[in-house]
Protein backbone atom coordinates (compact mmCIF):
# COMPACT_ATOMS: atom_id res chain seq x y z
CA MET A 1 41.89 8.11 23.19
CA SER A 2 39.85 11.30 25.01
CA GLY A 3 36.45 11.67 26.76
CA THR A 4 35.01 13.65 23.82
CA THR A 5 36.95 12.03 21.41
CA MET A 6 35.20 8.19 22.22
CA ILE A 7 31.73 10.04 22.92
CA PHE A 8 31.73 11.97 19.42
CA LEU A 9 32.60 8.18 18.21
CA ILE A 10 29.63 6.61 20.22
CA VAL A 11 27.16 8.68 19.05
CA LEU A 12 28.32 8.48 15.09
CA VAL A 13 28.85 4.46 15.52
CA SER A 14 24.94 4.81 16.78
CA VAL A 15 23.54 7.56 14.44
CA GLY A 16 24.94 5.61 12.31
CA PHE A 17 23.60 2.13 12.92
CA GLY A 18 19.94 3.96 13.08
CA ALA A 19 20.53 5.55 9.95
CA ILE A 20 21.41 1.36 8.33
CA ARG A 21 18.32 0.26 10.75
CA GLU A 22 15.75 2.12 8.53
CA ILE A 23 17.46 2.32 5.02
CA TYR A 24 16.53 -1.54 5.66
CA ILE A 25 13.18 -1.06 7.26
CA THR A 26 12.16 0.63 3.75
CA LYS A 27 13.42 -1.44 1.62
CA LEU A 28 11.36 -3.94 2.89
CA GLU A 29 8.47 -1.93 3.44
CA LEU A 30 8.90 -1.06 -0.27
CA LYS A 31 9.23 -4.85 -1.17
CA LYS A 32 5.24 -6.10 0.49
CA ARG A 33 4.50 -2.79 -1.30
CA SER A 34 5.22 -4.08 -4.36
CA THR A 35 4.28 -7.94 -4.42
CA LYS A 36 0.68 -6.59 -3.79
CA GLY A 37 1.12 -4.14 -6.83
CA ASP A 38 1.95 -7.23 -8.79
CA GLN A 39 -0.85 -9.30 -7.04
CA ASP A 40 -3.26 -5.62 -8.04
CA VAL A 41 -2.01 -5.67 -11.50
CA GLU A 42 -2.61 -9.36 -12.15
CA SER A 43 -6.38 -8.82 -11.15
CA LEU A 44 -7.35 -6.16 -12.98
CA LYS A 45 -5.68 -8.19 -15.85
CA THR A 46 -8.23 -10.61 -15.19
CA GLU A 47 -10.60 -8.94 -14.57
CA ILE A 48 -10.18 -6.72 -18.03
CA SER A 49 -9.76 -10.01 -20.36
CA ALA A 50 -13.55 -10.82 -18.87
CA LEU A 51 -14.50 -8.12 -19.61
CA LYS A 52 -13.76 -8.22 -23.12
CA GLU A 53 -15.28 -11.38 -22.98
CA ARG A 54 -18.11 -10.05 -22.52
CA ILE A 55 -17.34 -6.54 -25.07
CA VAL A 56 -17.46 -9.62 -27.94
CA VAL A 57 -20.53 -10.96 -26.90
CA LEU A 58 -23.00 -7.63 -26.86
CA GLU A 59 -20.80 -6.97 -30.14
CA LYS A 60 -22.60 -9.74 -31.34
CA LEU A 61 -25.60 -9.48 -30.51
CA VAL A 62 -25.72 -6.29 -31.54
CA THR A 63 -24.82 -7.01 -35.13
CA ASP A 64 -27.88 -10.06 -34.99
CA ASP A 65 -29.92 -9.73 -37.82
CA GLY A 66 -32.65 -10.74 -35.28
CA TYR A 67 -31.96 -7.57 -32.61
CA GLN A 68 -32.02 -5.24 -36.59
CA VAL A 69 -35.62 -7.05 -37.00
CA SER A 70 -36.89 -6.73 -33.78
CA LYS A 71 -35.61 -2.45 -32.90
CA ASP A 72 -37.31 -2.33 -36.34
CA ILE A 73 -40.32 -4.01 -35.38
CA SER A 74 -40.18 -1.40 -31.80
CA LYS A 75 -39.51 1.27 -33.48
CA LEU A 76 -43.00 0.73 -35.69
């Protein structure tokens, strides 16, 4: 094997391992982001359900007869 071929193979192997390393690091970063995204989704779901409960309470208050009477009195 000539010196030039050996140098070419060494460079080729080095570049190949460098590329594989970068791919692995990128996959790990994407996995971390995905986990964080799942946590964000869960917290948003919790917040949405709490807001829906508040909307139900507000709808009950607005449709209550006592609220309508109070509104009519304030109009006078």
